[in-house]
PDB file of N, CA and C in Angstrom:
ATOM      1  N   MET A   1       2.827   2.298 -29.398  1.00  0.00           N
ATOM      2  CA  MET A   1       2.642   1.431 -27.883  1.00  0.00           C
ATOM      3  C   MET A   1       3.173   2.847 -26.961  1.00  0.00           C
ATOM      4  N   ALA A   2       2.188   2.390 -25.990  1.00  0.00           N
ATOM      5  CA  ALA A   2       2.375   3.118 -24.886  1.00  0.00           C
ATOM      6  C   ALA A   2       3.121   2.706 -23.619  1.00  0.00           C
ATOM      7  N   LYS A   3       4.698   3.097 -22.983  1.00  0.00           N
ATOM      8  CA  LYS A   3       5.237   2.698 -21.840  1.00  0.00           C
ATOM      9  C   LYS A   3       4.024   2.219 -21.281  1.00  0.00           C
ATOM     10  N   GLN A   4       4.849   0.642 -20.337  1.00  0.00           N
ATOM     11  CA  GLN A   4       3.655   0.478 -19.482  1.00  0.00           C
ATOM     12  C   GLN A   4       4.512   1.534 -18.234  1.00  0.00           C
ATOM     13  N   GLN A   5       3.605   1.334 -17.102  1.00  0.00           N
ATOM     14  CA  GLN A   5       4.634   2.302 -15.987  1.00  0.00           C
ATOM     15  C   GLN A   5       5.207   1.006 -14.973  1.00  0.00           C
ATOM     16  N   THR A   6       6.015   0.765 -14.603  1.00  0.00           N
ATOM     17  CA  THR A   6       5.908  -0.272 -13.585  1.00  0.00           C
ATOM     18  C   THR A   6       5.462   0.550 -12.479  1.00  0.00           C
ATOM     19  N   PHE A   7       5.736  -0.719 -11.287  1.00  0.00           N
ATOM     20  CA  PHE A   7       5.182  -0.642  -9.793  1.00  0.00           C
ATOM     21  C   PHE A   7       6.774   0.251  -9.151  1.00  0.00           C
ATOM     22  N   ALA A   8       7.904   0.303  -9.720  1.00  0.00           N
ATOM     23  CA  ALA A   8       8.850   1.220  -9.223  1.00  0.00           C
ATOM     24  C   ALA A   8       8.539   3.149  -9.445  1.00  0.00           C
ATOM     25  N   ASP A   9       8.063   2.529 -11.253  1.00  0.00           N
ATOM     26  CA  ASP A   9       8.080   4.521 -10.844  1.00  0.00           C
ATOM     27  C   ASP A   9       6.591   4.828 -10.557  1.00  0.00           C
ATOM     28  N   LYS A  10       5.796   3.797  -9.600  1.00  0.00           N
ATOM     29  CA  LYS A  10       3.950   4.404  -8.828  1.00  0.00           C
ATOM     30  C   LYS A  10       4.540   4.870  -7.979  1.00  0.00           C
ATOM     31  N   ALA A  11       5.424   3.788  -7.076  1.00  0.00           N
ATOM     32  CA  ALA A  11       6.026   3.983  -6.189  1.00  0.00           C
ATOM     33  C   ALA A  11       6.273   4.941  -6.146  1.00  0.00           C
ATOM     34  N   GLY A  12       7.672   5.249  -6.721  1.00  0.00           N
ATOM     35  CA  GLY A  12       8.543   6.644  -6.255  1.00  0.00           C
ATOM     36  C   GLY A  12       7.208   7.847  -6.508  1.00  0.00           C
ATOM     37  N   LYS A  13       6.501   7.441  -7.272  1.00  0.00           N
ATOM     38  CA  LYS A  13       5.861   8.612  -7.435  1.00  0.00           C
ATOM     39  C   LYS A  13       4.995   8.869  -6.628  1.00  0.00           C
ATOM     40  N   LEU A  14       4.472   7.875  -5.695  1.00  0.00           N
ATOM     41  CA  LEU A  14       3.816   8.161  -4.709  1.00  0.00           C
ATOM     42  C   LEU A  14       4.188   8.432  -3.586  1.00  0.00           C
ATOM     43  N   GLY A  15       5.857   8.372  -3.503  1.00  0.00           N
ATOM     44  CA  GLY A  15       6.572   8.499  -2.575  1.00  0.00           C
ATOM     45  C   GLY A  15       6.599   9.855  -2.547  1.00  0.00           C
ATOM     46  N   LYS A  16       6.942  10.593  -3.531  1.00  0.00           N
ATOM     47  CA  LYS A  16       7.108  12.211  -3.625  1.00  0.00           C
ATOM     48  C   LYS A  16       6.564  12.448  -2.704  1.00  0.00           C
ATOM     49  N   LYS A  17       4.375  12.264  -2.750  1.00  0.00           N
ATOM     50  CA  LYS A  17       4.290  13.454  -2.209  1.00  0.00           C
ATOM     51  C   LYS A  17       3.570  12.868  -1.245  1.00  0.00           C
ATOM     52  N   ALA A  18       4.465  12.398  -0.324  1.00  0.00           N
ATOM     53  CA  ALA A  18       4.134  11.797   0.898  1.00  0.00           C
ATOM     54  C   ALA A  18       3.607  12.710   2.232  1.00  0.00           C
ATOM     55  N   GLU A  19       2.337  12.345   2.935  1.00  0.00           N
ATOM     56  CA  GLU A  19       1.479  12.955   3.776  1.00  0.00           C
ATOM     57  C   GLU A  19       2.233  13.158   4.588  1.00  0.00           C
ATOM     58  N   THR A  20       2.594  13.715   5.773  1.00  0.00           N
ATOM     59  CA  THR A  20       2.271  13.538   7.227  1.00  0.00           C
ATOM     60  C   THR A  20       0.625  13.561   7.595  1.00  0.00           C
ATOM     61  N   VAL A  21       0.789  12.776   8.623  1.00  0.00           N
ATOM     62  CA  VAL A  21      -0.330  12.700   9.304  1.00  0.00           C
ATOM     63  C   VAL A  21       0.264  12.365  11.151  1.00  0.00           C
ATOM     64  N   ILE A  22      -0.999  12.335  12.368  1.00  0.00           N
ATOM     65  CA  ILE A  22      -0.957  11.583  13.568  1.00  0.00           C
ATOM     66  C   ILE A  22      -1.466  10.863  13.911  1.00  0.00           C
ATOM     67  N   ASP A  23      -0.048   9.873  13.715  1.00  0.00           N
ATOM     68  CA  ASP A  23      -0.387   8.555  13.829  1.00  0.00           C
ATOM     69  C   ASP A  23      -1.159   8.570  15.112  1.00  0.00           C
ATOM     70  N   PRO A  24      -2.788   7.934  15.507  1.00  0.00           N
ATOM     71  CA  PRO A  24      -3.652   7.949  16.456  1.00  0.00           C
ATOM     72  C   PRO A  24      -2.863   6.631  17.600  1.00  0.00           C
ATOM     73  N   ASP A  25      -2.104   5.771  17.080  1.00  0.00           N
ATOM     74  CA  ASP A  25      -1.477   5.058  17.795  1.00  0.00           C
ATOM     75  C   ASP A  25      -0.094   5.549  18.864  1.00  0.00           C
ATOM     76  N   SER A  26       0.440   5.956  18.338  1.00  0.00           N
ATOM     77  CA  SER A  26       1.228   6.482  18.875  1.00  0.00           C
ATOM     78  C   SER A  26       1.725   8.140  19.346  1.00  0.00           C
ATOM     79  N   GLY A  27       0.711   9.120  18.784  1.00  0.00           N
ATOM     80  CA  GLY A  27       0.773  10.334  18.485  1.00  0.00           C
ATOM     81  C   GLY A  27       1.833  11.092  18.302  1.00  0.00           C
ATOM     82  N   LYS A  28       2.075  10.962  17.059  1.00  0.00           N
ATOM     83  CA  LYS A  28       3.769  10.890  16.355  1.00  0.00           C
ATOM     84  C   LYS A  28       3.130  11.647  15.407  1.00  0.00           C
ATOM     85  N   GLU A  29       3.539  12.225  14.454  1.00  0.00           N
ATOM     86  CA  GLU A  29       3.812  13.101  13.519  1.00  0.00           C
ATOM     87  C   GLU A  29       4.621  11.796  12.183  1.00  0.00           C
ATOM     88  N   THR A  30       3.666  10.785  11.562  1.00  0.00           N
ATOM     89  CA  THR A  30       4.598  10.033  10.842  1.00  0.00           C
ATOM     90  C   THR A  30       4.040  10.359   9.286  1.00  0.00           C
ATOM     91  N   LYS A  31       4.460   9.729   8.615  1.00  0.00           N
ATOM     92  CA  LYS A  31       4.631  10.010   6.591  1.00  0.00           C
ATOM     93  C   LYS A  31       3.396   8.865   6.797  1.00  0.00           C
ATOM     94  N   LEU A  32       2.851   8.632   5.687  1.00  0.00           N
ATOM     95  CA  LEU A  32       1.882   7.596   5.100  1.00  0.00           C
ATOM     96  C   LEU A  32       2.983   7.325   4.316  1.00  0.00           C
ATOM     97  N   LEU A  33       3.135   5.873   4.219  1.00  0.00           N
ATOM     98  CA  LEU A  33       3.468   5.333   3.462  1.00  0.00           C
ATOM     99  C   LEU A  33       2.039   3.592   2.264  1.00  0.00           C
ATOM    100  N   ASN A  34       2.589   3.564   0.540  1.00  0.00           N
ATOM    101  CA  ASN A  34       1.509   2.959  -0.198  1.00  0.00           C
ATOM    102  C   ASN A  34       2.146   1.946  -0.156  1.00  0.00           C
ATOM    103  N   VAL A  35       1.724   0.282   0.080  1.00  0.00           N
ATOM    104  CA  VAL A  35       2.263  -1.038  -0.209  1.00  0.00           C
ATOM    105  C   VAL A  35       1.397  -1.782  -0.133  1.00  0.00           C
ATOM    106  N   LYS A  36       1.758  -3.027  -1.608  1.00  0.00           N
ATOM    107  CA  LYS A  36       0.950  -3.963  -2.153  1.00  0.00           C
ATOM    108  C   LYS A  36       1.207  -4.878  -1.018  1.00  0.00           C
ATOM    109  N   PHE A  37      -0.556  -4.998  -1.162  1.00  0.00           N
ATOM    110  CA  PHE A  37      -0.990  -6.249  -0.097  1.00  0.00           C
ATOM    111  C   PHE A  37      -1.189  -7.180  -1.244  1.00  0.00           C
ATOM    112  N   ILE A  38      -0.660  -8.319  -1.724  1.00  0.00           N
ATOM    113  CA  ILE A  38      -1.054  -9.796  -2.723  1.00  0.00           C
ATOM    114  C   ILE A  38      -1.250 -10.154  -2.050  1.00  0.00           C
ATOM    115  N   GLU A  39      -3.461 -11.021  -2.389  1.00  0.00           N
ATOM    116  CA  GLU A  39      -3.500 -12.392  -1.279  1.00  0.00           C
ATOM    117  C   GLU A  39      -3.658 -13.464  -2.691  1.00  0.00           C
ATOM    118  N   SER A  40      -3.187 -14.636  -1.584  1.00  0.00           N
ATOM    119  CA  SER A  40      -3.481 -15.348  -2.627  1.00  0.00           C
ATOM    120  C   SER A  40      -5.114 -16.188  -1.654  1.00  0.00           C
ATOM    121  N   VAL A  41      -6.243 -16.638  -2.920  1.00  0.00           N
ATOM    122  CA  VAL A  41      -7.349 -17.022  -2.225  1.00  0.00           C
ATOM    123  C   VAL A  41      -7.346 -18.443  -3.557  1.00  0.00           C
ATOM    124  N   LYS A  42      -7.912 -19.429  -3.346  1.00  0.00           N
ATOM    125  CA  LYS A  42      -7.989 -20.523  -2.722  1.00  0.00           C
ATOM    126  C   LYS A  42      -9.121 -20.615  -3.866  1.00  0.00           C
ATOM    127  N   THR A  43     -10.176 -21.280  -4.407  1.00  0.00           N
ATOM    128  CA  THR A  43     -11.026 -20.877  -5.835  1.00  0.00           C
ATOM    129  C   THR A  43     -12.140 -22.067  -4.882  1.00  0.00           C
ATOM    130  N   GLU A  44     -13.791 -22.347  -5.265  1.00  0.00           N
ATOM    131  CA  GLU A  44     -14.535 -23.380  -5.317  1.00  0.00           C
ATOM    132  C   GLU A  44     -13.365 -24.365  -6.002  1.00  0.00           C
ATOM    133  N   LYS A  45     -12.718 -24.576  -7.257  1.00  0.00           N
ATOM    134  CA  LYS A  45     -12.488 -25.315  -8.475  1.00  0.00           C
ATOM    135  C   LYS A  45     -11.033 -26.104  -7.766  1.00  0.00           C
ATOM    136  N   GLY A  46     -10.400 -25.020  -6.512  1.00  0.00           N
ATOM    137  CA  GLY A  46      -9.011 -26.174  -6.277  1.00  0.00           C
ATOM    138  C   GLY A  46      -7.970 -25.649  -6.736  1.00  0.00           C
ATOM    139  N   THR A  47      -7.876 -24.228  -7.631  1.00  0.00           N
ATOM    140  CA  THR A  47      -6.966 -23.616  -8.075  1.00  0.00           C
ATOM    141  C   THR A  47      -7.042 -22.165  -6.870  1.00  0.00           C
ATOM    142  N   TRP A  48      -4.944 -21.830  -7.468  1.00  0.00           N
ATOM    143  CA  TRP A  48      -5.185 -20.491  -6.131  1.00  0.00           C
ATOM    144  C   TRP A  48      -5.483 -18.741  -7.565  1.00  0.00           C
ATOM    145  N   LYS A  49      -6.016 -18.049  -7.117  1.00  0.00           N
ATOM    146  CA  LYS A  49      -5.830 -16.573  -7.042  1.00  0.00           C
ATOM    147  C   LYS A  49      -5.694 -15.768  -6.900  1.00  0.00           C
ATOM    148  N   PHE A  50      -4.746 -14.929  -7.085  1.00  0.00           N
ATOM    149  CA  PHE A  50      -4.268 -13.321  -6.647  1.00  0.00           C
ATOM    150  C   PHE A  50      -4.686 -12.465  -6.364  1.00  0.00           C
ATOM    151  N   LEU A  51      -5.090 -11.370  -5.677  1.00  0.00           N
ATOM    152  CA  LEU A  51      -5.877 -10.707  -5.404  1.00  0.00           C
ATOM    153  C   LEU A  51      -4.701  -8.634  -5.048  1.00  0.00           C
ATOM    154  N   GLU A  52      -4.472  -8.477  -6.235  1.00  0.00           N
ATOM    155  CA  GLU A  52      -3.398  -7.369  -5.747  1.00  0.00           C
ATOM    156  C   GLU A  52      -4.727  -5.708  -4.911  1.00  0.00           C
ATOM    157  N   ARG A  53      -3.472  -5.517  -3.930  1.00  0.00           N
ATOM    158  CA  ARG A  53      -4.342  -3.694  -3.896  1.00  0.00           C
ATOM    159  C   ARG A  53      -3.796  -3.366  -2.917  1.00  0.00           C
ATOM    160  N   MET A  54      -3.684  -2.187  -3.085  1.00  0.00           N
ATOM    161  CA  MET A  54      -2.649  -0.603  -2.947  1.00  0.00           C
ATOM    162  C   MET A  54      -3.517  -0.604  -1.896  1.00  0.00           C
ATOM    163  N   GLN A  55      -2.576   0.236  -0.605  1.00  0.00           N
ATOM    164  CA  GLN A  55      -3.101   0.157   0.933  1.00  0.00           C
ATOM    165  C   GLN A  55      -1.695   1.283   1.225  1.00  0.00           C
ATOM    166  N   LYS A  56      -2.637   2.113   2.011  1.00  0.00           N
ATOM    167  CA  LYS A  56      -1.805   3.399   2.897  1.00  0.00           C
ATOM    168  C   LYS A  56      -1.241   2.812   4.350  1.00  0.00           C
ATOM    169  N   VAL A  57      -1.040   2.735   4.855  1.00  0.00           N
ATOM    170  CA  VAL A  57      -0.135   2.450   6.338  1.00  0.00           C
ATOM    171  C   VAL A  57       0.761   3.214   6.657  1.00  0.00           C
ATOM    172  N   TYR A  58       0.288   3.086   8.219  1.00  0.00           N
ATOM    173  CA  TYR A  58       1.592   4.632   8.942  1.00  0.00           C
ATOM    174  C   TYR A  58       2.451   4.015   9.217  1.00  0.00           C
ATOM    175  N   GLU A  59       3.735   5.033   8.482  1.00  0.00           N
ATOM    176  CA  GLU A  59       4.964   4.406   8.996  1.00  0.00           C
ATOM    177  C   GLU A  59       6.125   3.702   9.821  1.00  0.00           C
ATOM    178  N   SER A  60       4.842   4.929  11.569  1.00  0.00           N
ATOM    179  CA  SER A  60       5.524   3.639  12.566  1.00  0.00           C
ATOM    180  C   SER A  60       5.696   2.357  12.983  1.00  0.00           C
ATOM    181  N   SER A  61       3.944   2.470  12.888  1.00  0.00           N
ATOM    182  CA  SER A  61       3.232   0.684  13.614  1.00  0.00           C
ATOM    183  C   SER A  61       3.077   0.241  12.177  1.00  0.00           C
ATOM    184  N   LEU A  62       2.919   0.476  10.610  1.00  0.00           N
ATOM    185  CA  LEU A  62       2.751  -0.104   9.789  1.00  0.00           C
ATOM    186  C   LEU A  62       0.772  -0.670   9.850  1.00  0.00           C
ATOM    187  N   LYS A  63       0.350  -0.086  10.723  1.00  0.00           N
ATOM    188  CA  LYS A  63      -0.929  -1.127  10.739  1.00  0.00           C
ATOM    189  C   LYS A  63      -1.825   0.187   9.361  1.00  0.00           C
ATOM    190  N   PRO A  64      -2.774  -0.299   9.214  1.00  0.00           N
ATOM    191  CA  PRO A  64      -3.519   0.431   7.905  1.00  0.00           C
ATOM    192  C   PRO A  64      -4.662   2.577   7.987  1.00  0.00           C
ATOM    193  N   TYR A  65      -3.936   3.130   7.226  1.00  0.00           N
ATOM    194  CA  TYR A  65      -4.278   4.488   7.710  1.00  0.00           C
ATOM    195  C   TYR A  65      -6.410   4.297   7.211  1.00  0.00           C
ATOM    196  N   LYS A  66      -6.485   4.907   7.777  1.00  0.00           N
ATOM    197  CA  LYS A  66      -8.114   5.072   8.312  1.00  0.00           C
ATOM    198  C   LYS A  66      -8.344   6.936   7.918  1.00  0.00           C
ATOM    199  N   PRO A  67      -8.821   6.715   7.149  1.00  0.00           N
ATOM    200  CA  PRO A  67      -8.937   8.626   6.551  1.00  0.00           C
ATOM    201  C   PRO A  67      -9.705   9.473   7.899  1.00  0.00           C
TER     202      PRO A  67
END
């Protein structure tokens, strides 16, 4: 059975190859961070569902990255 990749392993791997870009709000050079968003949504039945997604954000302003 293969070893499951943990979130810490995944984040560490993505952090090593961090990109540097210009933040459009501040005009300064900044890194891109990979963050995990977990959103809770109430279904029609009344139960809760959790949606997980990875997204890149600017390190300086923490606003979503738009390529």
